[in-house]
Amino acid sequence: MKAILCLLAGWLVPGLGHVLQKKFWRGAIFFVSIGALTAIGLSMGGRVYPFQTENPLTILAFFADLGNFVVYALARILAFGQGSLERVTFEFGTAYIAGAGLLNYLIAIDAYDIAKGKKK
């Protein structure tokens, strides 16, 4: 049960699953890294994709962005991360945001593995 809690906490907030296991430095590094990657992506005019069924690639982008749940939820509530197509950096910013979400999935799984005792 603790492993599932760490997995979900790490998915909701980057690094929180590690902090719950008293791995404070690792959790802080993950939080800052994922936060910086997301902030850079947003500052470049990247887009946080909602669930759309018109294009299969936007479905994949949605699941990538969902990996960074706090940012995704705030983007839906506060209406930021709409993307700025006229900016040259739009595609790179979108890739940074999606990359942050995908990395956060891996970080949450790492917290799960530590809680299960599969790694230290």
PDB file of N, CA and C in Angstrom:
ATOM      1  N   MET A   1       0.829  -1.201   0.000  1.00  0.00           N
ATOM      2  CA  MET A   1       0.000   0.000   0.000  1.00  0.00           C
ATOM      3  C   MET A   1       0.868   1.258   0.000  1.00  0.00           C
ATOM      4  N   LYS A   2       1.981   1.225   0.747  1.00  0.00           N
ATOM      5  CA  LYS A   2       2.878   2.375   0.790  1.00  0.00           C
ATOM      6  C   LYS A   2       3.470   2.642  -0.594  1.00  0.00           C
ATOM      7  N   ALA A   3       3.748   1.590  -1.334  1.00  0.00           N
ATOM      8  CA  ALA A   3       4.334   1.757  -2.661  1.00  0.00           C
ATOM      9  C   ALA A   3       3.356   2.457  -3.600  1.00  0.00           C
ATOM     10  N   ILE A   4       2.091   2.093  -3.531  1.00  0.00           N
ATOM     11  CA  ILE A   4       1.071   2.726  -4.367  1.00  0.00           C
ATOM     12  C   ILE A   4       0.914   4.197  -3.980  1.00  0.00           C
ATOM     13  N   LEU A   5       0.940   4.482  -2.684  1.00  0.00           N
ATOM     14  CA  LEU A   5       0.846   5.857  -2.212  1.00  0.00           C
ATOM     15  C   LEU A   5       2.018   6.693  -2.730  1.00  0.00           C
ATOM     16  N   CYS A   6       3.214   6.133  -2.691  1.00  0.00           N
ATOM     17  CA  CYS A   6       4.396   6.843  -3.191  1.00  0.00           C
ATOM     18  C   CYS A   6       4.311   7.055  -4.698  1.00  0.00           C
ATOM     19  N   LEU A   7       3.801   6.068  -5.408  1.00  0.00           N
ATOM     20  CA  LEU A   7       3.618   6.197  -6.854  1.00  0.00           C
ATOM     21  C   LEU A   7       2.653   7.331  -7.176  1.00  0.00           C
ATOM     22  N   LEU A   8       1.503   7.338  -6.528  1.00  0.00           N
ATOM     23  CA  LEU A   8       0.501   8.369  -6.791  1.00  0.00           C
ATOM     24  C   LEU A   8       0.978   9.752  -6.359  1.00  0.00           C
ATOM     25  N   ALA A   9       1.636   9.818  -5.197  1.00  0.00           N
ATOM     26  CA  ALA A   9       2.155  11.117  -4.738  1.00  0.00           C
ATOM     27  C   ALA A   9       3.224  11.645  -5.693  1.00  0.00           C
ATOM     28  N   GLY A  10       4.081  10.752  -6.173  1.00  0.00           N
ATOM     29  CA  GLY A  10       5.107  11.161  -7.121  1.00  0.00           C
ATOM     30  C   GLY A  10       4.538  11.578  -8.459  1.00  0.00           C
ATOM     31  N   TRP A  11       3.406  11.008  -8.837  1.00  0.00           N
ATOM     32  CA  TRP A  11       2.742  11.422 -10.075  1.00  0.00           C
ATOM     33  C   TRP A  11       2.069  12.784  -9.899  1.00  0.00           C
ATOM     34  N   LEU A  12       1.429  12.988  -8.743  1.00  0.00           N
ATOM     35  CA  LEU A  12       0.740  14.256  -8.510  1.00  0.00           C
ATOM     36  C   LEU A  12       1.704  15.430  -8.417  1.00  0.00           C
ATOM     37  N   VAL A  13       2.766  15.265  -7.655  1.00  0.00           N
ATOM     38  CA  VAL A  13       3.776  16.317  -7.481  1.00  0.00           C
ATOM     39  C   VAL A  13       5.142  15.678  -7.693  1.00  0.00           C
ATOM     40  N   PRO A  14       5.904  16.162  -8.655  1.00  0.00           N
ATOM     41  CA  PRO A  14       7.220  15.563  -8.918  1.00  0.00           C
ATOM     42  C   PRO A  14       8.105  15.531  -7.669  1.00  0.00           C
ATOM     43  N   GLY A  15       8.615  14.359  -7.352  1.00  0.00           N
ATOM     44  CA  GLY A  15       9.519  14.196  -6.217  1.00  0.00           C
ATOM     45  C   GLY A  15       8.844  13.910  -4.891  1.00  0.00           C
ATOM     46  N   LEU A  16       7.536  14.068  -4.801  1.00  0.00           N
ATOM     47  CA  LEU A  16       6.846  13.877  -3.523  1.00  0.00           C
ATOM     48  C   LEU A  16       6.901  12.427  -3.053  1.00  0.00           C
ATOM     49  N   GLY A  17       6.880  11.486  -3.976  1.00  0.00           N
ATOM     50  CA  GLY A  17       6.993  10.078  -3.602  1.00  0.00           C
ATOM     51  C   GLY A  17       8.319   9.773  -2.931  1.00  0.00           C
ATOM     52  N   HIS A  18       9.372  10.471  -3.343  1.00  0.00           N
ATOM     53  CA  HIS A  18      10.682  10.297  -2.717  1.00  0.00           C
ATOM     54  C   HIS A  18      10.743  10.992  -1.369  1.00  0.00           C
ATOM     55  N   VAL A  19      10.121  12.163  -1.276  1.00  0.00           N
ATOM     56  CA  VAL A  19      10.113  12.894  -0.011  1.00  0.00           C
ATOM     57  C   VAL A  19       9.376  12.088   1.054  1.00  0.00           C
ATOM     58  N   LEU A  20       8.296  11.427   0.688  1.00  0.00           N
ATOM     59  CA  LEU A  20       7.555  10.597   1.646  1.00  0.00           C
ATOM     60  C   LEU A  20       8.399   9.445   2.188  1.00  0.00           C
ATOM     61  N   GLN A  21       9.433   9.064   1.439  1.00  0.00           N
ATOM     62  CA  GLN A  21      10.330   7.991   1.864  1.00  0.00           C
ATOM     63  C   GLN A  21      11.612   8.535   2.496  1.00  0.00           C
ATOM     64  N   LYS A  22      11.581   9.818   2.836  1.00  0.00           N
ATOM     65  CA  LYS A  22      12.703  10.501   3.490  1.00  0.00           C
ATOM     66  C   LYS A  22      13.951  10.584   2.610  1.00  0.00           C
ATOM     67  N   LYS A  23      13.751  10.631   1.324  1.00  0.00           N
ATOM     68  CA  LYS A  23      14.836  10.866   0.366  1.00  0.00           C
ATOM     69  C   LYS A  23      14.665  12.307  -0.120  1.00  0.00           C
ATOM     70  N   PHE A  24      14.968  13.234   0.816  1.00  0.00           N
ATOM     71  CA  PHE A  24      14.660  14.641   0.607  1.00  0.00           C
ATOM     72  C   PHE A  24      15.456  15.262  -0.544  1.00  0.00           C
ATOM     73  N   TRP A  25      16.749  14.968  -0.616  1.00  0.00           N
ATOM     74  CA  TRP A  25      17.563  15.551  -1.688  1.00  0.00           C
ATOM     75  C   TRP A  25      17.109  15.063  -3.050  1.00  0.00           C
ATOM     76  N   ARG A  26      16.858  13.786  -3.158  1.00  0.00           N
ATOM     77  CA  ARG A  26      16.419  13.232  -4.432  1.00  0.00           C
ATOM     78  C   ARG A  26      15.066  13.836  -4.835  1.00  0.00           C
ATOM     79  N   GLY A  27      14.150  13.931  -3.886  1.00  0.00           N
ATOM     80  CA  GLY A  27      12.849  14.535  -4.159  1.00  0.00           C
ATOM     81  C   GLY A  27      12.960  15.990  -4.569  1.00  0.00           C
ATOM     82  N   ALA A  28      13.835  16.733  -3.889  1.00  0.00           N
ATOM     83  CA  ALA A  28      14.025  18.149  -4.224  1.00  0.00           C
ATOM     84  C   ALA A  28      14.631  18.318  -5.617  1.00  0.00           C
ATOM     85  N   ILE A  29      15.595  17.474  -5.934  1.00  0.00           N
ATOM     86  CA  ILE A  29      16.219  17.551  -7.259  1.00  0.00           C
ATOM     87  C   ILE A  29      15.199  17.238  -8.348  1.00  0.00           C
ATOM     88  N   PHE A  30      14.377  16.230  -8.135  1.00  0.00           N
ATOM     89  CA  PHE A  30      13.346  15.897  -9.117  1.00  0.00           C
ATOM     90  C   PHE A  30      12.327  17.024  -9.252  1.00  0.00           C
ATOM     91  N   PHE A  31      11.913  17.592  -8.130  1.00  0.00           N
ATOM     92  CA  PHE A  31      10.932  18.677  -8.164  1.00  0.00           C
ATOM     93  C   PHE A  31      11.469  19.879  -8.934  1.00  0.00           C
ATOM     94  N   VAL A  32      12.694  20.266  -8.622  1.00  0.00           N
ATOM     95  CA  VAL A  32      13.295  21.426  -9.295  1.00  0.00           C
ATOM     96  C   VAL A  32      13.525  21.133 -10.776  1.00  0.00           C
ATOM     97  N   SER A  33      14.003  19.958 -11.094  1.00  0.00           N
ATOM     98  CA  SER A  33      14.287  19.607 -12.496  1.00  0.00           C
ATOM     99  C   SER A  33      13.021  19.581 -13.347  1.00  0.00           C
ATOM    100  N   ILE A  34      12.006  18.895 -12.880  1.00  0.00           N
ATOM    101  CA  ILE A  34      10.759  18.816 -13.634  1.00  0.00           C
ATOM    102  C   ILE A  34      10.083  20.183 -13.680  1.00  0.00           C
ATOM    103  N   GLY A  35      10.144  20.906 -12.576  1.00  0.00           N
ATOM    104  CA  GLY A  35       9.573  22.256 -12.551  1.00  0.00           C
ATOM    105  C   GLY A  35      10.273  23.191 -13.520  1.00  0.00           C
ATOM    106  N   ALA A  36      11.595  23.117 -13.577  1.00  0.00           N
ATOM    107  CA  ALA A  36      12.354  23.972 -14.492  1.00  0.00           C
ATOM    108  C   ALA A  36      12.070  23.606 -15.944  1.00  0.00           C
ATOM    109  N   LEU A  37      12.026  22.326 -16.225  1.00  0.00           N
ATOM    110  CA  LEU A  37      11.731  21.875 -17.584  1.00  0.00           C
ATOM    111  C   LEU A  37      10.346  22.360 -18.025  1.00  0.00           C
ATOM    112  N   THR A  38       9.385  22.272 -17.142  1.00  0.00           N
ATOM    113  CA  THR A  38       8.038  22.738 -17.453  1.00  0.00           C
ATOM    114  C   THR A  38       7.998  24.253 -17.599  1.00  0.00           C
ATOM    115  N   ALA A  39       8.651  24.963 -16.706  1.00  0.00           N
ATOM    116  CA  ALA A  39       8.656  26.430 -16.770  1.00  0.00           C
ATOM    117  C   ALA A  39       9.328  26.927 -18.049  1.00  0.00           C
ATOM    118  N   ILE A  40      10.408  26.293 -18.436  1.00  0.00           N
ATOM    119  CA  ILE A  40      11.067  26.671 -19.682  1.00  0.00           C
ATOM    120  C   ILE A  40      10.136  26.424 -20.859  1.00  0.00           C
ATOM    121  N   GLY A  41       9.473  25.275 -20.867  1.00  0.00           N
ATOM    122  CA  GLY A  41       8.528  24.962 -21.942  1.00  0.00           C
ATOM    123  C   GLY A  41       7.394  25.964 -22.023  1.00  0.00           C
ATOM    124  N   LEU A  42       6.850  26.351 -20.874  1.00  0.00           N
ATOM    125  CA  LEU A  42       5.765  27.339 -20.868  1.00  0.00           C
ATOM    126  C   LEU A  42       6.259  28.709 -21.312  1.00  0.00           C
ATOM    127  N   SER A  43       7.456  29.079 -20.881  1.00  0.00           N
ATOM    128  CA  SER A  43       7.993  30.387 -21.281  1.00  0.00           C
ATOM    129  C   SER A  43       8.311  30.445 -22.770  1.00  0.00           C
ATOM    130  N   MET A  44       8.528  29.295 -23.384  1.00  0.00           N
ATOM    131  CA  MET A  44       8.778  29.243 -24.828  1.00  0.00           C
ATOM    132  C   MET A  44       7.475  29.222 -25.628  1.00  0.00           C
ATOM    133  N   GLY A  45       6.349  29.278 -24.952  1.00  0.00           N
ATOM    134  CA  GLY A  45       5.060  29.290 -25.631  1.00  0.00           C
ATOM    135  C   GLY A  45       4.510  27.916 -25.923  1.00  0.00           C
ATOM    136  N   GLY A  46       4.969  26.917 -25.184  1.00  0.00           N
ATOM    137  CA  GLY A  46       4.503  25.548 -25.394  1.00  0.00           C
ATOM    138  C   GLY A  46       3.061  25.355 -24.979  1.00  0.00           C
ATOM    139  N   ARG A  47       2.477  24.279 -25.441  1.00  0.00           N
ATOM    140  CA  ARG A  47       1.072  23.998 -25.183  1.00  0.00           C
ATOM    141  C   ARG A  47       0.912  22.772 -24.295  1.00  0.00           C
ATOM    142  N   VAL A  48      -0.030  22.862 -23.356  1.00  0.00           N
ATOM    143  CA  VAL A  48      -0.468  21.727 -22.552  1.00  0.00           C
ATOM    144  C   VAL A  48      -1.756  21.230 -23.203  1.00  0.00           C
ATOM    145  N   TYR A  49      -1.710  20.044 -23.782  1.00  0.00           N
ATOM    146  CA  TYR A  49      -2.825  19.540 -24.586  1.00  0.00           C
ATOM    147  C   TYR A  49      -3.944  18.952 -23.744  1.00  0.00           C
ATOM    148  N   PRO A  50      -5.195  19.347 -24.023  1.00  0.00           N
ATOM    149  CA  PRO A  50      -6.346  18.678 -23.408  1.00  0.00           C
ATOM    150  C   PRO A  50      -6.642  17.391 -24.169  1.00  0.00           C
ATOM    151  N   PHE A  51      -7.556  16.602 -23.652  1.00  0.00           N
ATOM    152  CA  PHE A  51      -7.926  15.366 -24.347  1.00  0.00           C
ATOM    153  C   PHE A  51      -8.745  15.718 -25.583  1.00  0.00           C
ATOM    154  N   GLN A  52      -8.242  15.331 -26.746  1.00  0.00           N
ATOM    155  CA  GLN A  52      -8.922  15.572 -28.018  1.00  0.00           C
ATOM    156  C   GLN A  52      -8.839  14.286 -28.828  1.00  0.00           C
ATOM    157  N   THR A  53      -9.898  13.985 -29.554  1.00  0.00           N
ATOM    158  CA  THR A  53      -9.906  12.739 -30.316  1.00  0.00           C
ATOM    159  C   THR A  53      -9.753  12.949 -31.819  1.00  0.00           C
ATOM    160  N   GLU A  54      -9.603  14.195 -32.261  1.00  0.00           N
ATOM    161  CA  GLU A  54      -9.496  14.449 -33.700  1.00  0.00           C
ATOM    162  C   GLU A  54      -8.206  13.885 -34.293  1.00  0.00           C
ATOM    163  N   ASN A  55      -7.158  13.931 -33.538  1.00  0.00           N
ATOM    164  CA  ASN A  55      -5.846  13.544 -34.044  1.00  0.00           C
ATOM    165  C   ASN A  55      -5.199  12.582 -33.034  1.00  0.00           C
ATOM    166  N   PRO A  56      -4.764  11.418 -33.465  1.00  0.00           N
ATOM    167  CA  PRO A  56      -4.142  10.474 -32.524  1.00  0.00           C
ATOM    168  C   PRO A  56      -2.897  11.041 -31.833  1.00  0.00           C
ATOM    169  N   LEU A  57      -2.186  11.927 -32.476  1.00  0.00           N
ATOM    170  CA  LEU A  57      -0.991  12.501 -31.856  1.00  0.00           C
ATOM    171  C   LEU A  57      -1.340  13.409 -30.680  1.00  0.00           C
ATOM    172  N   THR A  58      -2.493  14.076 -30.742  1.00  0.00           N
ATOM    173  CA  THR A  58      -2.881  14.905 -29.599  1.00  0.00           C
ATOM    174  C   THR A  58      -3.290  14.046 -28.408  1.00  0.00           C
ATOM    175  N   ILE A  59      -3.756  12.824 -28.668  1.00  0.00           N
ATOM    176  CA  ILE A  59      -4.057  11.907 -27.562  1.00  0.00           C
ATOM    177  C   ILE A  59      -2.755  11.529 -26.856  1.00  0.00           C
ATOM    178  N   LEU A  60      -1.720  11.250 -27.638  1.00  0.00           N
ATOM    179  CA  LEU A  60      -0.415  10.939 -27.039  1.00  0.00           C
ATOM    180  C   LEU A  60       0.144  12.142 -26.281  1.00  0.00           C
ATOM    181  N   ALA A  61      -0.013  13.334 -26.839  1.00  0.00           N
ATOM    182  CA  ALA A  61       0.458  14.550 -26.158  1.00  0.00           C
ATOM    183  C   ALA A  61      -0.301  14.757 -24.853  1.00  0.00           C
ATOM    184  N   PHE A  62      -1.601  14.452 -24.855  1.00  0.00           N
ATOM    185  CA  PHE A  62      -2.393  14.564 -23.638  1.00  0.00           C
ATOM    186  C   PHE A  62      -1.837  13.662 -22.541  1.00  0.00           C
ATOM    187  N   PHE A  63      -1.555  12.399 -22.869  1.00  0.00           N
ATOM    188  CA  PHE A  63      -1.029  11.478 -21.859  1.00  0.00           C
ATOM    189  C   PHE A  63       0.371  11.873 -21.405  1.00  0.00           C
ATOM    190  N   ALA A  64       1.167  12.439 -22.291  1.00  0.00           N
ATOM    191  CA  ALA A  64       2.488  12.927 -21.896  1.00  0.00           C
ATOM    192  C   ALA A  64       2.336  14.100 -20.928  1.00  0.00           C
ATOM    193  N   ASP A  65       1.448  15.035 -21.233  1.00  0.00           N
ATOM    194  CA  ASP A  65       1.241  16.193 -20.356  1.00  0.00           C
ATOM    195  C   ASP A  65       0.605  15.793 -19.030  1.00  0.00           C
ATOM    196  N   LEU A  66      -0.221  14.766 -19.043  1.00  0.00           N
ATOM    197  CA  LEU A  66      -0.867  14.294 -17.826  1.00  0.00           C
ATOM    198  C   LEU A  66       0.153  13.731 -16.824  1.00  0.00           C
ATOM    199  N   GLY A  67       1.332  13.377 -17.303  1.00  0.00           N
ATOM    200  CA  GLY A  67       2.377  12.875 -16.414  1.00  0.00           C
ATOM    201  C   GLY A  67       2.803  13.888 -15.376  1.00  0.00           C
ATOM    202  N   ASN A  68       2.678  15.159 -15.692  1.00  0.00           N
ATOM    203  CA  ASN A  68       2.974  16.229 -14.746  1.00  0.00           C
ATOM    204  C   ASN A  68       1.624  16.775 -14.279  1.00  0.00           C
ATOM    205  N   PHE A  69       0.971  16.030 -13.389  1.00  0.00           N
ATOM    206  CA  PHE A  69      -0.439  16.253 -13.083  1.00  0.00           C
ATOM    207  C   PHE A  69      -0.736  17.637 -12.529  1.00  0.00           C
ATOM    208  N   VAL A  70       0.090  18.146 -11.638  1.00  0.00           N
ATOM    209  CA  VAL A  70      -0.184  19.452 -11.033  1.00  0.00           C
ATOM    210  C   VAL A  70      -0.217  20.534 -12.103  1.00  0.00           C
ATOM    211  N   VAL A  71       0.755  20.510 -12.990  1.00  0.00           N
ATOM    212  CA  VAL A  71       0.798  21.516 -14.055  1.00  0.00           C
ATOM    213  C   VAL A  71      -0.395  21.339 -14.986  1.00  0.00           C
ATOM    214  N   TYR A  72      -0.721  20.091 -15.309  1.00  0.00           N
ATOM    215  CA  TYR A  72      -1.862  19.841 -16.188  1.00  0.00           C
ATOM    216  C   TYR A  72      -3.156  20.372 -15.567  1.00  0.00           C
ATOM    217  N   ALA A  73      -3.385  20.064 -14.309  1.00  0.00           N
ATOM    218  CA  ALA A  73      -4.614  20.506 -13.642  1.00  0.00           C
ATOM    219  C   ALA A  73      -4.667  22.027 -13.553  1.00  0.00           C
ATOM    220  N   LEU A  74      -3.559  22.656 -13.193  1.00  0.00           N
ATOM    221  CA  LEU A  74      -3.532  24.117 -13.117  1.00  0.00           C
ATOM    222  C   LEU A  74      -3.730  24.750 -14.492  1.00  0.00           C
ATOM    223  N   ALA A  75      -3.172  24.143 -15.513  1.00  0.00           N
ATOM    224  CA  ALA A  75      -3.348  24.669 -16.866  1.00  0.00           C
ATOM    225  C   ALA A  75      -4.807  24.615 -17.295  1.00  0.00           C
ATOM    226  N   ARG A  76      -5.515  23.565 -16.897  1.00  0.00           N
ATOM    227  CA  ARG A  76      -6.934  23.461 -17.245  1.00  0.00           C
ATOM    228  C   ARG A  76      -7.762  24.447 -16.428  1.00  0.00           C
ATOM    229  N   ILE A  77      -7.434  24.619 -15.141  1.00  0.00           N
ATOM    230  CA  ILE A  77      -8.218  25.498 -14.268  1.00  0.00           C
ATOM    231  C   ILE A  77      -7.931  26.969 -14.551  1.00  0.00           C
ATOM    232  N   LEU A  78      -6.649  27.317 -14.651  1.00  0.00           N
ATOM    233  CA  LEU A  78      -6.250  28.720 -14.794  1.00  0.00           C
ATOM    234  C   LEU A  78      -6.064  29.151 -16.247  1.00  0.00           C
ATOM    235  N   ALA A  79      -6.258  28.272 -17.166  1.00  0.00           N
ATOM    236  CA  ALA A  79      -6.191  28.566 -18.605  1.00  0.00           C
ATOM    237  C   ALA A  79      -4.839  29.139 -19.038  1.00  0.00           C
ATOM    238  N   PHE A  80      -3.757  28.538 -18.597  1.00  0.00           N
ATOM    239  CA  PHE A  80      -2.451  28.882 -19.159  1.00  0.00           C
ATOM    240  C   PHE A  80      -1.943  27.673 -19.919  1.00  0.00           C
ATOM    241  N   GLY A  81      -0.859  27.845 -20.650  1.00  0.00           N
ATOM    242  CA  GLY A  81      -0.328  26.747 -21.442  1.00  0.00           C
ATOM    243  C   GLY A  81      -1.156  26.490 -22.684  1.00  0.00           C
ATOM    244  N   GLN A  82      -1.793  27.541 -23.208  1.00  0.00           N
ATOM    245  CA  GLN A  82      -2.606  27.397 -24.414  1.00  0.00           C
ATOM    246  C   GLN A  82      -1.766  27.282 -25.673  1.00  0.00           C
ATOM    247  N   GLY A  83      -0.498  27.638 -25.564  1.00  0.00           N
ATOM    248  CA  GLY A  83       0.391  27.571 -26.720  1.00  0.00           C
ATOM    249  C   GLY A  83       0.312  28.852 -27.525  1.00  0.00           C
ATOM    250  N   SER A  84       1.414  29.191 -28.107  1.00  0.00           N
ATOM    251  CA  SER A  84       1.511  30.396 -28.918  1.00  0.00           C
ATOM    252  C   SER A  84       2.118  30.005 -30.261  1.00  0.00           C
ATOM    253  N   LEU A  85       1.255  29.652 -31.217  1.00  0.00           N
ATOM    254  CA  LEU A  85       1.708  29.141 -32.514  1.00  0.00           C
ATOM    255  C   LEU A  85       2.572  30.120 -33.289  1.00  0.00           C
ATOM    256  N   GLU A  86       2.386  31.410 -33.071  1.00  0.00           N
ATOM    257  CA  GLU A  86       3.167  32.383 -33.825  1.00  0.00           C
ATOM    258  C   GLU A  86       4.617  32.490 -33.344  1.00  0.00           C
ATOM    259  N   ARG A  87       4.915  31.916 -32.198  1.00  0.00           N
ATOM    260  CA  ARG A  87       6.296  31.948 -31.693  1.00  0.00           C
ATOM    261  C   ARG A  87       7.109  30.836 -32.333  1.00  0.00           C
ATOM    262  N   VAL A  88       8.339  31.163 -32.651  1.00  0.00           N
ATOM    263  CA  VAL A  88       9.239  30.200 -33.279  1.00  0.00           C
ATOM    264  C   VAL A  88       9.525  29.038 -32.334  1.00  0.00           C
ATOM    265  N   THR A  89       9.488  29.274 -31.058  1.00  0.00           N
ATOM    266  CA  THR A  89       9.850  28.274 -30.060  1.00  0.00           C
ATOM    267  C   THR A  89       8.672  27.411 -29.602  1.00  0.00           C
ATOM    268  N   PHE A  90       7.501  27.567 -30.231  1.00  0.00           N
ATOM    269  CA  PHE A  90       6.299  26.842 -29.813  1.00  0.00           C
ATOM    270  C   PHE A  90       6.529  25.330 -29.734  1.00  0.00           C
ATOM    271  N   GLU A  91       7.062  24.743 -30.790  1.00  0.00           N
ATOM    272  CA  GLU A  91       7.250  23.287 -30.834  1.00  0.00           C
ATOM    273  C   GLU A  91       8.252  22.814 -29.779  1.00  0.00           C
ATOM    274  N   PHE A  92       9.325  23.583 -29.594  1.00  0.00           N
ATOM    275  CA  PHE A  92      10.310  23.201 -28.582  1.00  0.00           C
ATOM    276  C   PHE A  92       9.706  23.285 -27.182  1.00  0.00           C
ATOM    277  N   GLY A  93       8.935  24.333 -26.923  1.00  0.00           N
ATOM    278  CA  GLY A  93       8.291  24.476 -25.621  1.00  0.00           C
ATOM    279  C   GLY A  93       7.320  23.347 -25.341  1.00  0.00           C
ATOM    280  N   THR A  94       6.557  22.969 -26.365  1.00  0.00           N
ATOM    281  CA  THR A  94       5.620  21.856 -26.220  1.00  0.00           C
ATOM    282  C   THR A  94       6.370  20.556 -25.939  1.00  0.00           C
ATOM    283  N   ALA A  95       7.498  20.368 -26.602  1.00  0.00           N
ATOM    284  CA  ALA A  95       8.312  19.165 -26.378  1.00  0.00           C
ATOM    285  C   ALA A  95       8.891  19.154 -24.962  1.00  0.00           C
ATOM    286  N   TYR A  96       9.296  20.310 -24.445  1.00  0.00           N
ATOM    287  CA  TYR A  96       9.809  20.380 -23.069  1.00  0.00           C
ATOM    288  C   TYR A  96       8.720  19.988 -22.074  1.00  0.00           C
ATOM    289  N   ILE A  97       7.509  20.498 -22.282  1.00  0.00           N
ATOM    290  CA  ILE A  97       6.410  20.193 -21.364  1.00  0.00           C
ATOM    291  C   ILE A  97       6.068  18.705 -21.416  1.00  0.00           C
ATOM    292  N   ALA A  98       5.977  18.159 -22.617  1.00  0.00           N
ATOM    293  CA  ALA A  98       5.689  16.726 -22.759  1.00  0.00           C
ATOM    294  C   ALA A  98       6.816  15.884 -22.172  1.00  0.00           C
ATOM    295  N   GLY A  99       8.053  16.294 -22.400  1.00  0.00           N
ATOM    296  CA  GLY A  99       9.199  15.577 -21.833  1.00  0.00           C
ATOM    297  C   GLY A  99       9.178  15.585 -20.321  1.00  0.00           C
ATOM    298  N   ALA A 100       8.786  16.713 -19.734  1.00  0.00           N
ATOM    299  CA  ALA A 100       8.686  16.793 -18.269  1.00  0.00           C
ATOM    300  C   ALA A 100       7.638  15.815 -17.750  1.00  0.00           C
ATOM    301  N   GLY A 101       6.518  15.711 -18.447  1.00  0.00           N
ATOM    302  CA  GLY A 101       5.474  14.766 -18.035  1.00  0.00           C
ATOM    303  C   GLY A 101       5.934  13.327 -18.133  1.00  0.00           C
ATOM    304  N   LEU A 102       6.616  12.995 -19.229  1.00  0.00           N
ATOM    305  CA  LEU A 102       7.105  11.623 -19.395  1.00  0.00           C
ATOM    306  C   LEU A 102       8.183  11.287 -18.371  1.00  0.00           C
ATOM    307  N   LEU A 103       9.060  12.234 -18.093  1.00  0.00           N
ATOM    308  CA  LEU A 103      10.078  12.000 -17.054  1.00  0.00           C
ATOM    309  C   LEU A 103       9.441  11.833 -15.685  1.00  0.00           C
ATOM    310  N   ASN A 104       8.365  12.561 -15.432  1.00  0.00           N
ATOM    311  CA  ASN A 104       7.715  12.415 -14.133  1.00  0.00           C
ATOM    312  C   ASN A 104       7.084  11.043 -13.964  1.00  0.00           C
ATOM    313  N   TYR A 105       6.597  10.444 -15.053  1.00  0.00           N
ATOM    314  CA  TYR A 105       6.135   9.053 -14.951  1.00  0.00           C
ATOM    315  C   TYR A 105       7.271   8.154 -14.459  1.00  0.00           C
ATOM    316  N   LEU A 106       8.459   8.341 -15.038  1.00  0.00           N
ATOM    317  CA  LEU A 106       9.606   7.515 -14.636  1.00  0.00           C
ATOM    318  C   LEU A 106      10.005   7.774 -13.187  1.00  0.00           C
ATOM    319  N   ILE A 107       9.935   9.025 -12.764  1.00  0.00           N
ATOM    320  CA  ILE A 107      10.270   9.375 -11.380  1.00  0.00           C
ATOM    321  C   ILE A 107       9.268   8.741 -10.412  1.00  0.00           C
ATOM    322  N   ALA A 108       7.995   8.756 -10.757  1.00  0.00           N
ATOM    323  CA  ALA A 108       6.977   8.134  -9.901  1.00  0.00           C
ATOM    324  C   ALA A 108       7.194   6.622  -9.813  1.00  0.00           C
ATOM    325  N   ILE A 109       7.555   6.007 -10.932  1.00  0.00           N
ATOM    326  CA  ILE A 109       7.844   4.567 -10.919  1.00  0.00           C
ATOM    327  C   ILE A 109       9.086   4.277 -10.088  1.00  0.00           C
ATOM    328  N   ASP A 110      10.072   5.180 -10.125  1.00  0.00           N
ATOM    329  CA  ASP A 110      11.262   5.024  -9.291  1.00  0.00           C
ATOM    330  C   ASP A 110      10.881   5.057  -7.807  1.00  0.00           C
ATOM    331  N   ALA A 111       9.988   5.964  -7.427  1.00  0.00           N
ATOM    332  CA  ALA A 111       9.531   6.026  -6.032  1.00  0.00           C
ATOM    333  C   ALA A 111       8.818   4.732  -5.649  1.00  0.00           C
ATOM    334  N   TYR A 112       8.045   4.190  -6.561  1.00  0.00           N
ATOM    335  CA  TYR A 112       7.356   2.917  -6.332  1.00  0.00           C
ATOM    336  C   TYR A 112       8.373   1.794  -6.111  1.00  0.00           C
ATOM    337  N   ASP A 113       9.390   1.732  -6.968  1.00  0.00           N
ATOM    338  CA  ASP A 113      10.408   0.681  -6.840  1.00  0.00           C
ATOM    339  C   ASP A 113      11.159   0.781  -5.522  1.00  0.00           C
ATOM    340  N   ILE A 114      11.460   1.997  -5.083  1.00  0.00           N
ATOM    341  CA  ILE A 114      12.146   2.170  -3.801  1.00  0.00           C
ATOM    342  C   ILE A 114      11.255   1.703  -2.660  1.00  0.00           C
ATOM    343  N   ALA A 115       9.973   2.069  -2.703  1.00  0.00           N
ATOM    344  CA  ALA A 115       9.044   1.665  -1.645  1.00  0.00           C
ATOM    345  C   ALA A 115       8.850   0.160  -1.602  1.00  0.00           C
ATOM    346  N   LYS A 116       8.912  -0.495  -2.761  1.00  0.00           N
ATOM    347  CA  LYS A 116       8.796  -1.957  -2.820  1.00  0.00           C
ATOM    348  C   LYS A 116      10.068  -2.663  -2.396  1.00  0.00           C
ATOM    349  N   GLY A 117      11.181  -1.929  -2.284  1.00  0.00           N
ATOM    350  CA  GLY A 117      12.441  -2.526  -1.893  1.00  0.00           C
ATOM    351  C   GLY A 117      13.249  -3.069  -3.067  1.00  0.00           C
ATOM    352  N   LYS A 118      12.845  -2.742  -4.293  1.00  0.00           N
ATOM    353  CA  LYS A 118      13.556  -3.229  -5.466  1.00  0.00           C
ATOM    354  C   LYS A 118      14.839  -2.456  -5.742  1.00  0.00           C
ATOM    355  N   LYS A 119      14.943  -1.249  -5.187  1.00  0.00           N
ATOM    356  CA  LYS A 119      16.162  -0.448  -5.319  1.00  0.00           C
ATOM    357  C   LYS A 119      16.273   0.492  -4.136  1.00  0.00           C
ATOM    358  N   LYS A 120      17.432   1.113  -4.018  1.00  0.00           N
ATOM    359  CA  LYS A 120      17.652   2.016  -2.874  1.00  0.00           C
ATOM    360  C   LYS A 120      17.685   3.443  -3.275  1.00  0.00           C
TER     361      LYS A 120
END
